[in-house]
Protein backbone atom coordinates (compact mmCIF):
# COMPACT_ATOMS: atom_id res chain seq x y z
CA MET A 1 0.00 0.00 0.00
CA ASP A 2 1.24 3.48 -0.83
CA ILE A 3 1.01 6.36 1.62
CA VAL A 4 0.48 9.60 -0.27
CA LEU A 5 1.78 12.84 1.26
CA SER A 6 -0.10 15.56 -0.61
CA TYR A 7 -1.15 18.17 1.95
CA PRO A 8 1.03 21.32 1.86
CA ASN A 9 2.26 20.83 5.43
CA GLN A 10 3.18 17.19 4.70
CA VAL A 11 5.05 18.17 1.54
CA PHE A 12 6.86 21.04 3.30
CA ILE A 13 7.94 18.88 6.25
CA SER A 14 9.15 16.13 3.89
CA LEU A 15 11.20 18.53 1.78
CA PHE A 16 12.58 20.30 4.86
CA LEU A 17 13.68 17.02 6.44
CA ALA A 18 15.23 16.01 3.11
CA PHE A 19 17.21 19.26 3.12
CA VAL A 20 18.40 18.59 6.70
CA PHE A 21 19.35 15.06 5.66
CA GLY A 22 21.34 16.50 2.75
CA VAL A 23 23.24 18.81 5.10
CA ILE A 24 24.06 15.88 7.38
CA ALA A 25 25.15 13.85 4.34
CA THR A 26 27.66 16.57 3.44
CA PHE A 27 29.43 16.19 6.79
CA LYS A 28 28.60 12.54 7.56
CA PRO A 29 28.19 10.75 4.22
CA ASN A 30 28.60 7.34 5.87
CA PHE A 31 25.44 7.98 7.90
CA ALA A 32 23.54 8.88 4.71
CA PHE A 33 24.63 5.78 2.80
CA TYR A 34 23.63 3.46 5.62
CA ALA A 35 20.32 5.32 6.01
CA VAL A 36 19.44 4.75 2.34
CA CYS A 37 20.17 1.02 2.69
CA LEU A 38 18.10 0.89 5.87
CA PHE A 39 15.12 2.80 4.46
CA LEU A 40 14.81 1.21 1.01
CA PRO A 41 11.09 0.46 1.66
CA ALA A 42 10.47 4.19 2.23
CA TYR A 43 9.46 4.50 -1.43
CA ILE A 44 5.89 3.71 -0.30
CA LEU A 45 5.80 7.25 1.17
CA ARG A 46 4.93 9.10 -2.03
CA ILE A 47 5.04 12.89 -2.23
CA ARG A 48 2.54 14.68 -4.45
CA GLY A 49 2.05 18.39 -4.98
CA THR A 50 5.63 19.00 -6.09
CA VAL A 51 6.72 19.89 -9.62
CA ILE A 52 8.03 16.34 -10.07
CA PRO A 53 6.25 13.53 -8.17
CA THR A 54 8.71 11.72 -5.94
CA ASN A 55 8.96 9.62 -2.78
CA ILE A 56 11.01 9.54 0.41
CA LEU A 57 13.53 6.98 -0.88
CA GLU A 58 14.24 9.08 -3.98
CA LEU A 59 14.79 12.16 -1.81
CA LEU A 60 17.20 10.22 0.43
CA ILE A 61 19.14 9.00 -2.61
CA VAL A 62 19.36 12.46 -4.22
CA MET A 63 20.43 14.13 -0.96
CA THR A 64 22.99 11.39 -0.28
CA VAL A 65 24.54 11.77 -3.74
CA MET A 66 24.66 15.56 -3.42
CA GLY A 67 26.03 15.39 0.13
CA TRP A 68 28.69 12.87 -0.86
CA LEU A 69 29.69 15.02 -3.84
CA GLY A 70 30.08 18.05 -1.58
CA TYR A 71 32.08 16.04 0.93
CA SER A 72 34.34 14.53 -1.76
CA LEU A 73 35.08 17.92 -3.31
CA GLY A 74 35.87 19.33 0.12
CA HIS A 75 38.17 16.42 0.99
CA ARG A 76 39.63 15.67 -2.43
CA LYS A 77 43.21 15.71 -1.12
CA THR A 78 42.36 13.20 1.59
CA HIS A 79 40.69 10.70 -0.76
CA GLN A 80 42.66 11.45 -3.93
CA ASN A 81 43.10 8.48 -6.27
CA SER A 82 45.75 7.80 -8.90
CA GLN A 83 43.89 10.03 -11.40
CA GLY A 84 44.08 12.98 -9.02
CA THR A 85 40.37 13.02 -8.13
CA ALA A 86 38.43 11.91 -5.08
CA ILE A 87 35.90 9.98 -7.15
CA TYR A 88 36.36 6.28 -7.90
CA LEU A 89 34.43 4.75 -10.79
CA PRO A 90 33.46 1.08 -11.05
CA ASP A 91 34.77 -1.32 -13.66
CA LYS A 92 34.32 -0.04 -17.23
CA ARG A 93 32.30 -3.13 -18.11
CA PHE A 94 29.79 -2.20 -15.42
CA LEU A 95 29.56 1.33 -16.79
CA VAL A 96 28.98 -0.02 -20.31
CA GLY A 97 26.14 -2.23 -19.06
CA VAL A 98 24.33 0.46 -17.08
CA GLY A 99 24.98 2.96 -19.87
CA LEU A 100 23.16 0.71 -22.34
CA ILE A 101 20.28 0.27 -19.90
CA ILE A 102 19.95 4.04 -19.46
CA ILE A 103 20.11 4.65 -23.23
CA GLY A 104 17.53 1.96 -23.91
CA ALA A 105 15.22 3.28 -21.19
CA PHE A 106 15.58 6.85 -22.46
CA ILE A 107 14.65 5.81 -26.00
CA SER A 108 11.66 3.90 -24.63
CA LEU A 109 10.61 6.99 -22.69
CA ALA A 110 10.88 9.07 -25.85
CA ILE A 111 8.58 6.74 -27.79
CA SER A 112 6.00 6.45 -24.99
CA LYS A 113 2.54 7.75 -25.73
CA ASN A 114 1.79 11.21 -24.33
CA GLU A 115 -0.61 9.88 -21.69
CA PHE A 116 2.12 7.57 -20.35
CA PHE A 117 5.04 10.01 -20.52
CA LEU A 118 4.86 11.23 -16.90
CA GLN A 119 4.50 7.68 -15.61
CA GLY A 120 7.40 6.60 -17.80
CA ALA A 121 9.52 9.53 -16.60
CA GLY A 122 8.89 8.45 -13.01
CA ILE A 123 10.00 4.91 -13.84
CA PHE A 124 13.07 6.23 -15.68
CA LYS A 125 14.30 8.26 -12.73
CA GLY A 126 13.13 5.98 -9.91
CA PHE A 127 13.83 2.51 -11.31
CA ILE A 128 16.79 3.24 -13.60
CA VAL A 129 18.80 6.44 -13.11
CA GLU A 130 18.69 6.96 -9.34
CA PRO A 131 19.48 3.32 -8.36
CA ILE A 132 22.36 3.19 -10.87
CA VAL A 133 23.82 6.54 -9.79
CA PHE A 134 23.50 5.60 -6.11
CA SER A 135 25.30 2.28 -6.66
CA ILE A 136 28.15 4.06 -8.47
CA VAL A 137 28.47 6.63 -5.70
CA LEU A 138 28.31 3.89 -3.06
CA TYR A 139 31.13 2.05 -4.84
CA SER A 140 33.23 5.21 -4.68
CA ALA A 141 32.41 5.65 -0.99
CA VAL A 142 33.60 2.10 -0.29
CA ARG A 143 36.86 2.80 -2.13
CA GLN A 144 37.23 6.04 -0.16
CA LYS A 145 36.76 3.99 3.02
CA LEU A 146 33.81 6.15 4.04
CA VAL A 147 31.66 3.04 4.36
CA SER A 148 32.39 -0.67 4.60
CA LYS A 149 30.79 -3.57 2.78
CA GLU A 150 30.17 -5.29 6.10
CA ASN A 151 28.14 -2.35 7.44
CA ILE A 152 26.20 -2.03 4.18
CA ILE A 153 25.20 -5.68 4.52
CA LYS A 154 24.31 -5.04 8.14
CA ALA A 155 22.05 -2.11 7.18
CA LEU A 156 20.29 -4.21 4.52
CA VAL A 157 19.74 -7.05 7.00
CA TRP A 158 18.32 -4.63 9.56
CA SER A 159 16.05 -3.19 6.89
CA ALA A 160 14.65 -6.60 5.96
CA SER A 161 14.30 -7.55 9.63
CA ILE A 162 12.29 -4.41 10.39
CA VAL A 163 10.04 -5.07 7.38
CA ALA A 164 9.54 -8.66 8.57
CA ILE A 165 8.74 -7.58 12.14
CA VAL A 166 6.25 -4.93 11.00
CA SER A 167 4.62 -7.40 8.60
CA LEU A 168 4.37 -10.07 11.28
CA ILE A 169 2.97 -7.76 13.96
CA GLY A 170 0.61 -6.10 11.49
CA SER A 171 -0.73 -9.50 10.47
CA PHE A 172 -2.51 -9.64 13.85
CA ILE A 173 -4.28 -6.31 13.24
CA PRO A 174 -7.21 -6.93 10.85
CA SER A 175 -7.71 -3.25 10.02
CA LEU A 176 -4.27 -3.09 8.38
CA GLU A 177 -5.28 -5.72 5.81
CA PHE A 178 -1.83 -7.29 5.70
CA TRP A 179 -3.36 -10.57 4.45
CA THR A 180 -4.68 -11.20 0.94
CA TYR A 181 -7.99 -12.92 0.22
CA ASP A 182 -6.15 -16.23 -0.27
CA ASN A 183 -4.35 -16.02 3.11
CA ARG A 184 -0.97 -14.82 1.92
CA LEU A 185 0.99 -12.25 3.93
CA GLN A 186 1.71 -9.07 1.96
CA GLY A 187 2.59 -6.68 4.79
CA PHE A 188 2.46 -3.05 3.71
CA TYR A 189 3.31 -3.99 0.12
CA LEU A 190 0.87 -4.23 -2.78
CA SER A 191 1.22 -8.01 -3.02
CA PRO A 192 2.84 -10.96 -1.20
CA ASN A 193 5.29 -11.32 -4.08
CA HIS A 194 6.55 -7.77 -3.53
CA LEU A 195 7.24 -8.56 0.13
CA ALA A 196 8.97 -11.81 -0.83
CA MET A 197 11.03 -10.14 -3.57
CA TYR A 198 12.50 -7.73 -1.00
CA LEU A 199 13.14 -10.19 1.83
CA ALA A 200 14.39 -13.22 -0.12
CA PRO A 201 17.73 -11.91 -1.50
CA ILE A 202 18.65 -10.46 1.89
CA ILE A 203 18.45 -13.87 3.58
CA PRO A 204 21.92 -14.93 2.27
CA LEU A 205 23.28 -11.63 3.58
CA ALA A 206 21.74 -12.37 6.99
CA ILE A 207 23.33 -15.82 6.97
CA ALA A 208 26.72 -14.29 6.08
CA GLN A 209 26.35 -11.84 8.95
CA ALA A 210 25.53 -14.73 11.30
CA VAL A 211 28.60 -16.64 10.08
CA SER A 212 30.75 -13.57 10.65
CA ARG A 213 29.43 -13.13 14.18
CA PHE A 214 29.85 -16.84 14.83
CA ALA A 215 33.51 -16.52 13.85
CA SER A 216 33.82 -13.65 16.32
CA ALA A 217 32.00 -15.72 18.93
CA ARG A 218 34.59 -18.50 18.63
CA ASP A 219 37.27 -16.06 19.75
CA LEU A 220 34.96 -14.74 22.46
CA SER A 221 34.15 -18.26 23.70
CA ILE A 222 37.86 -18.91 24.25
CA ARG A 223 38.09 -15.81 26.41
CA ILE A 224 34.89 -16.78 28.25
CA SER A 225 36.16 -20.28 28.97
CA ARG A 226 39.22 -18.72 30.56
CA SER A 227 37.41 -16.04 32.55
CA GLY A 228 34.09 -17.77 33.24
CA LYS A 229 32.24 -14.54 32.40
CA GLY A 230 30.37 -13.20 29.42
CA PHE A 231 28.07 -16.12 28.60
CA LEU A 232 25.16 -13.72 27.97
CA ALA A 233 27.29 -11.69 25.56
CA LEU A 234 28.18 -14.89 23.70
CA MET A 235 24.53 -15.95 23.40
CA THR A 236 23.58 -12.47 22.21
CA LEU A 237 26.34 -12.49 19.62
CA ILE A 238 25.15 -15.81 18.20
CA GLY A 239 21.45 -15.77 19.03
CA LEU A 240 20.39 -12.46 17.50
CA PRO A 241 21.55 -13.24 13.93
CA LEU A 242 19.98 -16.70 14.09
CA ALA A 243 16.71 -15.20 15.33
CA GLY A 244 16.82 -12.70 12.47
CA ILE A 245 17.25 -15.48 9.88
CA LEU A 246 14.39 -17.45 11.43
CA LEU A 247 12.19 -14.34 11.36
CA LEU A 248 12.88 -13.73 7.66
CA LEU A 249 12.17 -17.37 6.81
CA ILE A 250 8.88 -17.35 8.74
CA VAL A 251 7.63 -14.24 6.96
CA LEU A 252 8.82 -15.61 3.61
CA PHE A 253 6.90 -18.81 4.36
CA LEU A 254 3.73 -16.80 5.05
CA THR A 255 3.97 -15.02 1.68
CA LYS A 256 3.64 -18.42 -0.06
CA SER A 257 5.73 -17.04 -2.90
CA PHE A 258 6.79 -19.93 -5.13
CA GLY A 259 9.39 -17.81 -6.91
CA ALA A 260 11.06 -16.79 -3.64
CA TRP A 261 11.47 -20.36 -2.41
CA LEU A 262 12.65 -21.47 -5.84
CA ALA A 263 15.26 -18.71 -5.61
CA LEU A 264 16.23 -19.82 -2.10
CA ALA A 265 16.82 -23.35 -3.40
CA ALA A 266 18.99 -21.92 -6.20
CA ALA A 267 20.98 -19.95 -3.62
CA ALA A 268 21.55 -23.12 -1.59
CA ILE A 269 22.83 -24.91 -4.70
CA THR A 270 25.13 -21.96 -5.43
CA ALA A 271 26.53 -22.10 -1.89
CA LEU A 272 27.11 -25.85 -2.27
CA PHE A 273 28.97 -25.21 -5.51
CA ILE A 274 31.22 -22.61 -3.86
CA TRP A 275 32.07 -24.86 -0.90
CA ARG A 276 31.66 -28.17 -2.75
CA LYS A 277 34.94 -29.54 -1.40
CA SER A 278 33.88 -28.84 2.17
CA PHE A 279 30.63 -30.85 2.09
CA ASN A 280 30.22 -34.59 2.43
CA PRO A 281 28.17 -35.97 -0.51
CA LYS A 282 26.43 -38.32 1.94
CA VAL A 283 24.98 -35.25 3.68
CA ILE A 284 23.94 -33.38 0.52
CA LEU A 285 21.46 -35.99 -0.76
CA PRO A 286 19.44 -36.34 2.48
CA GLY A 287 19.58 -32.57 2.92
CA GLY A 288 18.22 -32.05 -0.59
CA LEU A 289 15.46 -34.57 0.08
CA ILE A 290 14.46 -32.79 3.28
CA LEU A 291 14.40 -29.42 1.51
CA SER A 292 12.27 -30.92 -1.28
CA LEU A 293 9.77 -32.20 1.28
CA ILE A 294 9.65 -28.80 2.97
CA PHE A 295 9.17 -27.14 -0.42
CA GLY A 296 6.34 -29.55 -1.25
CA PHE A 297 4.68 -28.90 2.12
CA ILE A 298 4.78 -25.13 1.69
CA PHE A 299 3.21 -25.25 -1.76
CA ARG A 300 0.95 -28.27 -1.28
CA GLU A 301 -2.17 -26.23 -2.09
CA GLU A 302 -0.60 -24.73 -5.22
CA LEU A 303 0.63 -28.14 -6.38
CA ALA A 304 -2.79 -29.68 -5.75
CA GLY A 305 -4.45 -26.85 -7.66
CA PHE A 306 -2.06 -27.30 -10.56
CA LEU A 307 -2.69 -31.06 -10.71
CA LEU A 308 -6.46 -30.92 -10.20
CA ASN A 309 -7.27 -27.75 -12.12
CA PRO A 310 -4.27 -26.83 -14.29
CA GLU A 311 -6.26 -24.48 -16.52
CA ARG A 312 -7.00 -22.16 -13.56
CA SER A 313 -3.69 -22.39 -11.71
CA SER A 314 -1.21 -19.58 -11.11
CA TRP A 315 1.10 -21.25 -13.62
CA ALA A 316 -1.62 -21.12 -16.27
CA SER A 317 -1.96 -17.41 -15.56
CA ARG A 318 1.80 -16.93 -15.90
CA PHE A 319 1.84 -18.75 -19.24
CA GLN A 320 -0.95 -16.48 -20.47
CA ILE A 321 1.00 -13.39 -19.44
CA TRP A 322 4.22 -14.65 -21.03
CA SER A 323 2.40 -15.60 -24.23
CA ALA A 324 0.87 -12.14 -24.46
CA ALA A 325 4.26 -10.52 -23.74
CA LEU A 326 5.93 -12.55 -26.51
CA ALA A 327 3.16 -11.59 -28.93
CA ILE A 328 3.71 -7.92 -28.05
CA LEU A 329 7.46 -8.35 -28.55
CA LYS A 330 6.90 -9.94 -31.92
CA ASP A 331 5.33 -6.67 -33.07
CA ASN A 332 7.84 -4.43 -31.22
CA PRO A 333 11.15 -6.34 -31.17
CA LEU A 334 13.69 -3.53 -31.44
CA LEU A 335 12.55 -0.58 -29.31
CA GLY A 336 9.96 -2.30 -27.15
CA ILE A 337 6.74 -0.57 -26.11
CA GLY A 338 7.94 2.16 -23.76
CA LEU A 339 8.19 2.49 -20.00
CA GLY A 340 5.12 1.70 -17.92
CA THR A 341 2.85 0.72 -20.82
CA PHE A 342 2.68 -3.08 -20.48
CA GLN A 343 -0.76 -3.06 -18.85
CA GLU A 344 -2.31 -1.21 -21.79
CA TYR A 345 -0.70 -3.47 -24.41
CA TYR A 346 -1.55 -6.58 -22.38
CA LEU A 347 -5.24 -5.68 -22.40
CA ALA A 348 -5.14 -4.72 -26.08
CA TYR A 349 -3.80 -8.18 -26.99
CA GLN A 350 -6.61 -9.96 -25.14
CA LYS A 351 -8.42 -10.54 -28.44
CA TYR A 352 -5.68 -12.95 -29.51
CA PHE A 353 -6.05 -15.21 -26.46
CA SER A 354 -8.66 -16.98 -24.39
CA PRO A 355 -10.08 -14.88 -21.51
CA TYR A 356 -7.29 -13.82 -19.16
CA LEU A 357 -7.07 -15.29 -15.67
CA GLU A 358 -5.50 -12.03 -14.48
CA TRP A 359 -6.36 -8.58 -15.78
CA ALA A 360 -4.34 -6.20 -13.59
CA VAL A 361 -0.82 -7.02 -14.82
CA PRO A 362 1.50 -3.97 -14.84
CA GLN A 363 4.60 -6.16 -15.41
CA PRO A 364 5.19 -9.34 -17.46
CA HIS A 365 6.39 -11.47 -14.51
CA ASN A 366 9.78 -12.09 -16.07
CA LEU A 367 12.95 -10.00 -15.96
CA ILE A 368 14.07 -10.68 -19.52
CA LEU A 369 10.65 -9.81 -20.91
CA ALA A 370 10.44 -6.72 -18.70
CA PHE A 371 13.78 -5.31 -19.87
CA TRP A 372 13.11 -6.17 -23.51
CA LEU A 373 9.63 -4.66 -23.52
CA GLN A 374 10.48 -1.54 -21.53
CA THR A 375 14.04 -0.70 -22.58
CA GLY A 376 14.16 -2.32 -26.00
CA MET A 377 16.95 -4.46 -27.38
CA ILE A 378 19.58 -1.94 -26.23
CA GLY A 379 18.50 -2.08 -22.59
CA LEU A 380 18.19 -5.86 -22.67
CA ILE A 381 21.74 -6.20 -24.00
CA GLY A 382 22.94 -3.88 -21.23
CA PHE A 383 21.21 -5.96 -18.55
CA LEU A 384 22.54 -9.25 -19.92
CA TRP A 385 26.02 -7.71 -20.19
CA LEU A 386 25.86 -6.73 -16.51
CA VAL A 387 24.82 -10.22 -15.44
CA ILE A 388 27.41 -11.98 -17.62
CA ASN A 389 30.15 -9.65 -16.38
CA PHE A 390 29.13 -10.26 -12.76
CA PHE A 391 29.33 -14.04 -13.08
CA ALA A 392 32.56 -13.81 -15.08
CA ARG A 393 34.12 -12.00 -12.10
CA PHE A 394 32.61 -14.61 -9.77
CA TYR A 395 34.04 -17.47 -11.85
CA LYS A 396 37.54 -15.99 -11.65
CA ILE A 397 37.57 -16.00 -7.86
CA VAL A 398 35.19 -18.85 -6.97
CA LYS A 399 38.08 -21.17 -6.10
CA THR A 400 39.56 -18.62 -3.70
CA ILE A 401 36.40 -17.91 -1.67
CA PRO A 402 36.59 -21.05 0.54
CA HIS A 403 40.21 -20.15 1.37
CA GLN A 404 39.45 -16.57 2.41
CA SER A 405 38.72 -15.58 5.99
CA LEU A 406 35.32 -16.82 7.14
CA GLN A 407 33.91 -13.29 7.39
CA HIS A 408 35.17 -12.09 4.00
CA GLY A 409 34.48 -15.31 2.11
CA ALA A 410 30.97 -15.67 3.49
CA GLY A 411 30.19 -12.05 2.58
CA ARG A 412 31.26 -12.44 -1.05
CA ALA A 413 29.46 -15.76 -1.39
CA ALA A 414 26.31 -14.21 0.10
CA ILE A 415 26.32 -11.42 -2.48
CA VAL A 416 26.58 -13.99 -5.29
CA CYS A 417 23.74 -16.03 -3.78
CA ALA A 418 21.62 -12.88 -3.41
CA VAL A 419 22.11 -11.96 -7.08
CA VAL A 420 21.28 -15.55 -8.08
CA MET A 421 18.07 -15.26 -6.07
CA VAL A 422 17.08 -12.01 -7.78
CA LEU A 423 17.61 -13.59 -11.20
CA VAL A 424 15.92 -16.91 -10.44
CA GLN A 425 12.94 -15.23 -8.81
CA GLY A 426 12.95 -12.88 -11.79
CA SER A 427 12.15 -15.82 -14.05
CA VAL A 428 8.60 -15.93 -12.64
CA ASP A 429 8.25 -12.43 -11.14
CA THR A 430 9.44 -8.99 -12.16
CA THR A 431 12.19 -8.31 -9.66
CA ILE A 432 14.27 -5.10 -10.04
CA TRP A 433 11.38 -3.07 -11.51
CA LYS A 434 10.57 -1.25 -8.26
CA ASN A 435 12.43 1.52 -6.44
CA ASP A 436 13.68 -0.64 -3.58
CA LEU A 437 14.42 -3.74 -5.67
CA ALA A 438 16.28 -1.81 -8.36
CA THR A 439 18.42 -0.05 -5.76
CA LEU A 440 19.11 -3.34 -3.96
CA PHE A 441 20.09 -5.10 -7.21
CA PHE A 442 22.58 -2.46 -8.34
CA ILE A 443 24.05 -2.26 -4.83
CA LEU A 444 24.66 -6.02 -4.88
CA ILE A 445 26.14 -6.02 -8.39
CA ASN A 446 28.55 -3.21 -7.49
CA LEU A 447 29.34 -4.49 -4.00
CA PHE A 448 30.92 -7.78 -5.13
């Protein structure tokens, strides 16, 4: 659900607080970067009554970028790199990929129908430009040692944990309508899938954080065994991360999102591949069987519906949407259809198919189709280039990860697993194409 701030006093207070945040960002950019990561879901607070419609997350991103730029210019001698500037740019291959995405999205915006131009402009700035720019600036801040990857992960985990807690508590308050008609938890999001798409890729990061704290706890336990004190501190150090992981899994379970659990299984396989020499094959098979049984239990109703009434199942609906999307692409293969126009085209192509099972479909429930339709062939190539480049970097160092320190190796592996989850879930849902998800994706890609 979106919360619209449209009254003059609401707009004024929001803009004033954004200005104060920008001032703080100029002197304490690390605070601003962590705040953006923590408040990614703040995009639901939408501001109307301004010249350009915006939301709280976008204001935080813009103020952080401006504050960081002011700080970097003021401290350019302190953070000067080999080129004589205080600004560090990511790998050129990353810049090529995001550049193609921006160009493709801009062309799609230009060809959008007049009635969809403002909506498309909002998507262009909120889903494309701002997340990409923020990720580039965050990369530079990491290189400047203003922020650390470990604390970025910590902020993201806290963000997901807060969302999970609010969703879980709100589920007991009927007036909040956190449940859908088919008993799926959606929290304050528009659908259960949106909640799952945000929480799922952060679970590997939470596990990495728990592993890191466990490594610290091993050192602490040695000191405790010698002193006999500090047992509570040890339990807190280990217990809190484990409780956070359990919380995220419970809320993810309540969303009943097939795509999210499919992605979680893919992440587990990725982790096994990274540490394949550390696992006993005799353990992997029973573990996989147990996970399969859990997966079947979670989606027993969906599986029964698919077997008993396949023509009315959620999969049948997905196939209808994908078929319509492919038909639209057949007529618009090069430039796509423009930003934010899929719903209109989807309804217009109804005449070529049997009656739709779903009518309100703003996105095609597939990342490849979404990029192709909304950014054209150029944007799709840029996205695929980003993904290929990411996994090429991963392949080069995959053999070294198990030999790195537990904290560092687990963190890098978690980022890979998180990206895998975004992509796998994106095969059945449209991940990335929201303010928070786009920002999270580009952070992960640039953080590795």
